[in-house]
Amino acid sequence: MEAESLDQRVGTIPPTVKLGTYENARELRDELVAKKIHLDRFTSFALNEGIPIARQTIEFGTLRCTIANLGFSRGGYFKEVYHHFLNLGGIQFYPAEFAMLLRLNYLDQPVGERLWVLTESVRSSGHKGRLSLDHDRHEGLSICGHIGPDQIPLGPQEEIVIPVVHRRN
């Protein structure tokens, strides 16, 4: 995989993200708002309703690559990519909290970039969705929820960050 070369031409994502550092989803939301991170309506509702927050410290490494680098040369749907990793037998879950914390630590994202984050579905107001980290010229750094996780098409050159468990405390 070409993760290192991708990181050299775009913003640098942190090498690790530590979960279990917030008491609850509202505390995490308050930190995102304090850092001027734009939360779209879906993501804001999800945080208000309370996404699951790790009760113990779990340190994840970050792997950034394109969809094609993952073996989807023609692209695929988010659900296919997600289940591909679940079927590898490694990580049993990909918490949405990871995306929120990655956003807090990936502040030099280039304008116009969308970076998908491999997490479990987020629920908000009865809908399921997936998360991306975006840097929009008008809204700035943001977390965007995309409703309909089974139907989200990902092109072969779109980039995704995959959490890799480093350490549990």
C-alpha atoms as a PDB file:
ATOM      1  CA  MET A   1       0.000   0.000   0.000  1.00  0.00           C
ATOM      2  CA  GLU A   2       1.153   3.515  -0.733  1.00  0.00           C
ATOM      3  CA  ALA A   3       0.134   5.109   2.559  1.00  0.00           C
ATOM      4  CA  GLU A   4       3.459   6.888   3.107  1.00  0.00           C
ATOM      5  CA  SER A   5       3.552   8.518  -0.329  1.00  0.00           C
ATOM      6  CA  LEU A   6      -0.046   9.719   0.032  1.00  0.00           C
ATOM      7  CA  ASP A   7       0.736  11.398   3.348  1.00  0.00           C
ATOM      8  CA  GLN A   8       3.651  13.265   1.760  1.00  0.00           C
ATOM      9  CA  ARG A   9       1.442  15.018  -0.808  1.00  0.00           C
ATOM     10  CA  VAL A  10      -1.480  15.896   1.455  1.00  0.00           C
ATOM     11  CA  GLY A  11      -2.049  16.988   5.036  1.00  0.00           C
ATOM     12  CA  THR A  12      -0.404  14.790   7.640  1.00  0.00           C
ATOM     13  CA  ILE A  13      -2.770  12.675   9.681  1.00  0.00           C
ATOM     14  CA  PRO A  14      -1.590  11.813  13.187  1.00  0.00           C
ATOM     15  CA  PRO A  15       0.101   8.409  13.503  1.00  0.00           C
ATOM     16  CA  THR A  16      -2.095   7.460  16.464  1.00  0.00           C
ATOM     17  CA  VAL A  17      -5.489   8.390  17.908  1.00  0.00           C
ATOM     18  CA  LYS A  18      -6.313   7.633  21.552  1.00  0.00           C
ATOM     19  CA  LEU A  19      -9.908   6.740  22.430  1.00  0.00           C
ATOM     20  CA  GLY A  20     -11.307   6.783  25.945  1.00  0.00           C
ATOM     21  CA  THR A  21     -10.162  10.323  26.707  1.00  0.00           C
ATOM     22  CA  TYR A  22     -13.660  11.843  26.971  1.00  0.00           C
ATOM     23  CA  GLU A  23     -16.371  11.048  29.508  1.00  0.00           C
ATOM     24  CA  ASN A  24     -19.237  11.216  27.014  1.00  0.00           C
ATOM     25  CA  ALA A  25     -20.268  12.308  23.522  1.00  0.00           C
ATOM     26  CA  ARG A  26     -21.378  15.766  24.650  1.00  0.00           C
ATOM     27  CA  GLU A  27     -17.960  16.514  26.119  1.00  0.00           C
ATOM     28  CA  LEU A  28     -16.396  15.438  22.822  1.00  0.00           C
ATOM     29  CA  ARG A  29     -18.883  17.597  20.874  1.00  0.00           C
ATOM     30  CA  ASP A  30     -18.040  20.605  23.064  1.00  0.00           C
ATOM     31  CA  GLU A  31     -14.334  20.136  22.284  1.00  0.00           C
ATOM     32  CA  LEU A  32     -15.038  19.955  18.536  1.00  0.00           C
ATOM     33  CA  VAL A  33     -17.120  23.143  18.718  1.00  0.00           C
ATOM     34  CA  ALA A  34     -14.452  24.907  20.801  1.00  0.00           C
ATOM     35  CA  LYS A  35     -11.887  24.089  18.087  1.00  0.00           C
ATOM     36  CA  LYS A  36     -14.246  25.605  15.480  1.00  0.00           C
ATOM     37  CA  ILE A  37     -14.890  22.273  13.755  1.00  0.00           C
ATOM     38  CA  HIS A  38     -18.071  22.456  11.681  1.00  0.00           C
ATOM     39  CA  LEU A  39     -20.507  19.644  12.478  1.00  0.00           C
ATOM     40  CA  ASP A  40     -23.183  19.020   9.897  1.00  0.00           C
ATOM     41  CA  ARG A  41     -26.714  18.452  11.154  1.00  0.00           C
ATOM     42  CA  PHE A  42     -26.456  14.642  11.087  1.00  0.00           C
ATOM     43  CA  THR A  43     -23.179  14.582  13.042  1.00  0.00           C
ATOM     44  CA  SER A  44     -24.378  17.173  15.540  1.00  0.00           C
ATOM     45  CA  PHE A  45     -27.551  15.189  16.244  1.00  0.00           C
ATOM     46  CA  ALA A  46     -25.523  11.963  16.564  1.00  0.00           C
ATOM     47  CA  LEU A  47     -23.263  13.561  19.175  1.00  0.00           C
ATOM     48  CA  ASN A  48     -26.236  15.032  21.028  1.00  0.00           C
ATOM     49  CA  GLU A  49     -27.923  11.616  21.067  1.00  0.00           C
ATOM     50  CA  GLY A  50     -24.691  10.072  22.343  1.00  0.00           C
ATOM     51  CA  ILE A  51     -22.426   8.001  20.121  1.00  0.00           C
ATOM     52  CA  PRO A  52     -20.666   5.219  22.053  1.00  0.00           C
ATOM     53  CA  ILE A  53     -17.533   6.452  23.832  1.00  0.00           C
ATOM     54  CA  ALA A  54     -14.747   4.063  24.850  1.00  0.00           C
ATOM     55  CA  ARG A  55     -14.678   3.337  28.597  1.00  0.00           C
ATOM     56  CA  GLN A  56     -11.033   2.313  28.506  1.00  0.00           C
ATOM     57  CA  THR A  57      -8.067   3.845  26.724  1.00  0.00           C
ATOM     58  CA  ILE A  58      -7.513   2.323  23.303  1.00  0.00           C
ATOM     59  CA  GLU A  59      -4.764   3.618  21.062  1.00  0.00           C
ATOM     60  CA  PHE A  60      -5.328   3.202  17.330  1.00  0.00           C
ATOM     61  CA  GLY A  61      -2.763   3.653  14.616  1.00  0.00           C
ATOM     62  CA  THR A  62      -3.868   5.284  11.386  1.00  0.00           C
ATOM     63  CA  LEU A  63      -3.476   3.831   7.914  1.00  0.00           C
ATOM     64  CA  ARG A  64      -4.287   6.136   5.005  1.00  0.00           C
ATOM     65  CA  CYS A  65      -4.696   4.749   1.503  1.00  0.00           C
ATOM     66  CA  THR A  66      -6.866   4.858  -1.595  1.00  0.00           C
ATOM     67  CA  ILE A  67      -9.790   2.541  -2.221  1.00  0.00           C
ATOM     68  CA  ALA A  68      -7.830   1.036  -5.150  1.00  0.00           C
ATOM     69  CA  ASN A  69      -4.882   0.270  -2.823  1.00  0.00           C
ATOM     70  CA  LEU A  70      -7.296  -1.842  -0.767  1.00  0.00           C
ATOM     71  CA  GLY A  71      -8.030  -4.089  -3.735  1.00  0.00           C
ATOM     72  CA  PHE A  72     -11.069  -2.254  -5.096  1.00  0.00           C
ATOM     73  CA  SER A  73      -9.534  -1.234  -8.441  1.00  0.00           C
ATOM     74  CA  ARG A  74     -12.888  -0.050  -9.806  1.00  0.00           C
ATOM     75  CA  GLY A  75     -14.056   1.413  -6.511  1.00  0.00           C
ATOM     76  CA  GLY A  76     -16.853  -0.005  -4.433  1.00  0.00           C
ATOM     77  CA  TYR A  77     -19.477   0.804  -1.882  1.00  0.00           C
ATOM     78  CA  PHE A  78     -18.538   1.825   1.645  1.00  0.00           C
ATOM     79  CA  LYS A  79     -20.327  -1.251   2.985  1.00  0.00           C
ATOM     80  CA  GLU A  80     -18.114  -3.543   0.846  1.00  0.00           C
ATOM     81  CA  VAL A  81     -14.923  -1.908   2.088  1.00  0.00           C
ATOM     82  CA  TYR A  82     -16.107  -2.028   5.707  1.00  0.00           C
ATOM     83  CA  HIS A  83     -17.095  -5.706   5.531  1.00  0.00           C
ATOM     84  CA  HIS A  84     -13.839  -6.550   3.757  1.00  0.00           C
ATOM     85  CA  PHE A  85     -11.964  -5.417   6.868  1.00  0.00           C
ATOM     86  CA  LEU A  86     -14.357  -7.079   9.292  1.00  0.00           C
ATOM     87  CA  ASN A  87     -13.880 -10.363   7.416  1.00  0.00           C
ATOM     88  CA  LEU A  88     -10.093 -10.155   7.759  1.00  0.00           C
ATOM     89  CA  GLY A  89     -10.637 -11.152  11.377  1.00  0.00           C
ATOM     90  CA  GLY A  90      -8.642  -8.350  12.953  1.00  0.00           C
ATOM     91  CA  ILE A  91     -10.603  -5.548  14.523  1.00  0.00           C
ATOM     92  CA  GLN A  92     -14.104  -6.463  15.636  1.00  0.00           C
ATOM     93  CA  PHE A  93     -15.376  -2.885  15.622  1.00  0.00           C
ATOM     94  CA  TYR A  94     -14.426   0.474  14.203  1.00  0.00           C
ATOM     95  CA  PRO A  95     -15.822   3.069  16.647  1.00  0.00           C
ATOM     96  CA  ALA A  96     -17.223   6.361  15.335  1.00  0.00           C
ATOM     97  CA  GLU A  97     -15.382   8.093  18.181  1.00  0.00           C
ATOM     98  CA  PHE A  98     -12.197   7.439  16.159  1.00  0.00           C
ATOM     99  CA  ALA A  99     -13.384   9.772  13.381  1.00  0.00           C
ATOM    100  CA  MET A 100     -14.230  12.536  15.845  1.00  0.00           C
ATOM    101  CA  LEU A 101     -10.824  12.337  17.528  1.00  0.00           C
ATOM    102  CA  LEU A 102      -9.018  12.104  14.208  1.00  0.00           C
ATOM    103  CA  ARG A 103     -10.773  15.333  13.176  1.00  0.00           C
ATOM    104  CA  LEU A 104      -9.505  17.058  16.338  1.00  0.00           C
ATOM    105  CA  ASN A 105      -5.950  16.040  15.462  1.00  0.00           C
ATOM    106  CA  TYR A 106      -5.959  16.498  11.674  1.00  0.00           C
ATOM    107  CA  LEU A 107      -6.002  20.259  11.416  1.00  0.00           C
ATOM    108  CA  ASP A 108      -3.755  20.834   8.384  1.00  0.00           C
ATOM    109  CA  GLN A 109      -6.150  19.144   5.947  1.00  0.00           C
ATOM    110  CA  PRO A 110      -5.922  20.797   2.519  1.00  0.00           C
ATOM    111  CA  VAL A 111      -8.934  22.788   1.321  1.00  0.00           C
ATOM    112  CA  GLY A 112     -11.140  20.667  -0.932  1.00  0.00           C
ATOM    113  CA  GLU A 113     -10.030  17.307   0.463  1.00  0.00           C
ATOM    114  CA  ARG A 114     -12.543  14.696   1.598  1.00  0.00           C
ATOM    115  CA  LEU A 115     -11.135  11.868   3.680  1.00  0.00           C
ATOM    116  CA  TRP A 116     -13.395   8.914   4.474  1.00  0.00           C
ATOM    117  CA  VAL A 117     -12.961   7.232   7.845  1.00  0.00           C
ATOM    118  CA  LEU A 118     -13.613   3.513   8.215  1.00  0.00           C
ATOM    119  CA  THR A 119     -15.976   3.393  11.200  1.00  0.00           C
ATOM    120  CA  GLU A 120     -19.151   1.599  12.108  1.00  0.00           C
ATOM    121  CA  SER A 121     -22.419   3.266  11.147  1.00  0.00           C
ATOM    122  CA  VAL A 122     -23.432   6.319  13.130  1.00  0.00           C
ATOM    123  CA  ARG A 123     -27.083   6.594  14.143  1.00  0.00           C
ATOM    124  CA  SER A 124     -28.883   9.907  14.254  1.00  0.00           C
ATOM    125  CA  SER A 125     -32.633  10.549  14.403  1.00  0.00           C
ATOM    126  CA  GLY A 126     -33.382   7.035  13.191  1.00  0.00           C
ATOM    127  CA  HIS A 127     -30.963   7.159  10.232  1.00  0.00           C
ATOM    128  CA  LYS A 128     -27.632   5.405   9.720  1.00  0.00           C
ATOM    129  CA  GLY A 129     -24.664   7.104   8.127  1.00  0.00           C
ATOM    130  CA  ARG A 130     -20.902   7.105   7.626  1.00  0.00           C
ATOM    131  CA  LEU A 131     -18.437   9.890   8.378  1.00  0.00           C
ATOM    132  CA  SER A 132     -15.952  11.846   6.342  1.00  0.00           C
ATOM    133  CA  LEU A 133     -13.514  14.583   7.309  1.00  0.00           C
ATOM    134  CA  ASP A 134     -13.806  17.515   4.940  1.00  0.00           C
ATOM    135  CA  HIS A 135     -12.131  20.876   4.505  1.00  0.00           C
ATOM    136  CA  ASP A 136     -14.504  23.150   2.676  1.00  0.00           C
ATOM    137  CA  ARG A 137     -13.523  26.659   1.597  1.00  0.00           C
ATOM    138  CA  HIS A 138     -16.646  28.135   3.226  1.00  0.00           C
ATOM    139  CA  GLU A 139     -17.281  25.898   6.251  1.00  0.00           C
ATOM    140  CA  GLY A 140     -13.671  25.155   7.118  1.00  0.00           C
ATOM    141  CA  LEU A 141     -12.722  21.895   8.806  1.00  0.00           C
ATOM    142  CA  SER A 142     -15.737  19.666   9.302  1.00  0.00           C
ATOM    143  CA  ILE A 143     -17.132  16.237  10.032  1.00  0.00           C
ATOM    144  CA  CYS A 144     -19.851  15.233   7.586  1.00  0.00           C
ATOM    145  CA  GLY A 145     -22.387  12.483   8.023  1.00  0.00           C
ATOM    146  CA  HIS A 146     -23.520  10.673   4.875  1.00  0.00           C
ATOM    147  CA  ILE A 147     -26.894   8.983   5.249  1.00  0.00           C
ATOM    148  CA  GLY A 148     -27.378   5.589   3.612  1.00  0.00           C
ATOM    149  CA  PRO A 149     -24.162   3.719   4.414  1.00  0.00           C
ATOM    150  CA  ASP A 150     -24.915   0.843   2.057  1.00  0.00           C
ATOM    151  CA  GLN A 151     -25.272   3.071  -0.981  1.00  0.00           C
ATOM    152  CA  ILE A 152     -22.227   5.357  -0.635  1.00  0.00           C
ATOM    153  CA  PRO A 153     -20.082   4.765  -3.730  1.00  0.00           C
ATOM    154  CA  LEU A 154     -16.339   5.230  -3.311  1.00  0.00           C
ATOM    155  CA  GLY A 155     -14.175   5.828  -6.358  1.00  0.00           C
ATOM    156  CA  PRO A 156     -10.842   3.996  -6.684  1.00  0.00           C
ATOM    157  CA  GLN A 157      -8.820   7.165  -6.001  1.00  0.00           C
ATOM    158  CA  GLU A 158     -10.842   8.290  -2.975  1.00  0.00           C
ATOM    159  CA  GLU A 159      -8.875   8.123   0.255  1.00  0.00           C
ATOM    160  CA  ILE A 160      -9.812   6.432   3.495  1.00  0.00           C
ATOM    161  CA  VAL A 161      -8.271   6.187   6.960  1.00  0.00           C
ATOM    162  CA  ILE A 162      -8.404   2.827   8.668  1.00  0.00           C
ATOM    163  CA  PRO A 163      -7.971   2.492  12.450  1.00  0.00           C
ATOM    164  CA  VAL A 164      -5.484  -0.180  13.522  1.00  0.00           C
ATOM    165  CA  VAL A 165      -5.410  -1.181  17.192  1.00  0.00           C
ATOM    166  CA  HIS A 166      -2.066  -0.426  18.832  1.00  0.00           C
ATOM    167  CA  ARG A 167      -2.686  -0.737  22.550  1.00  0.00           C
ATOM    168  CA  ARG A 168      -5.471  -1.247  25.065  1.00  0.00           C
ATOM    169  CA  ASN A 169      -5.085  -0.093  28.656  1.00  0.00           C
END
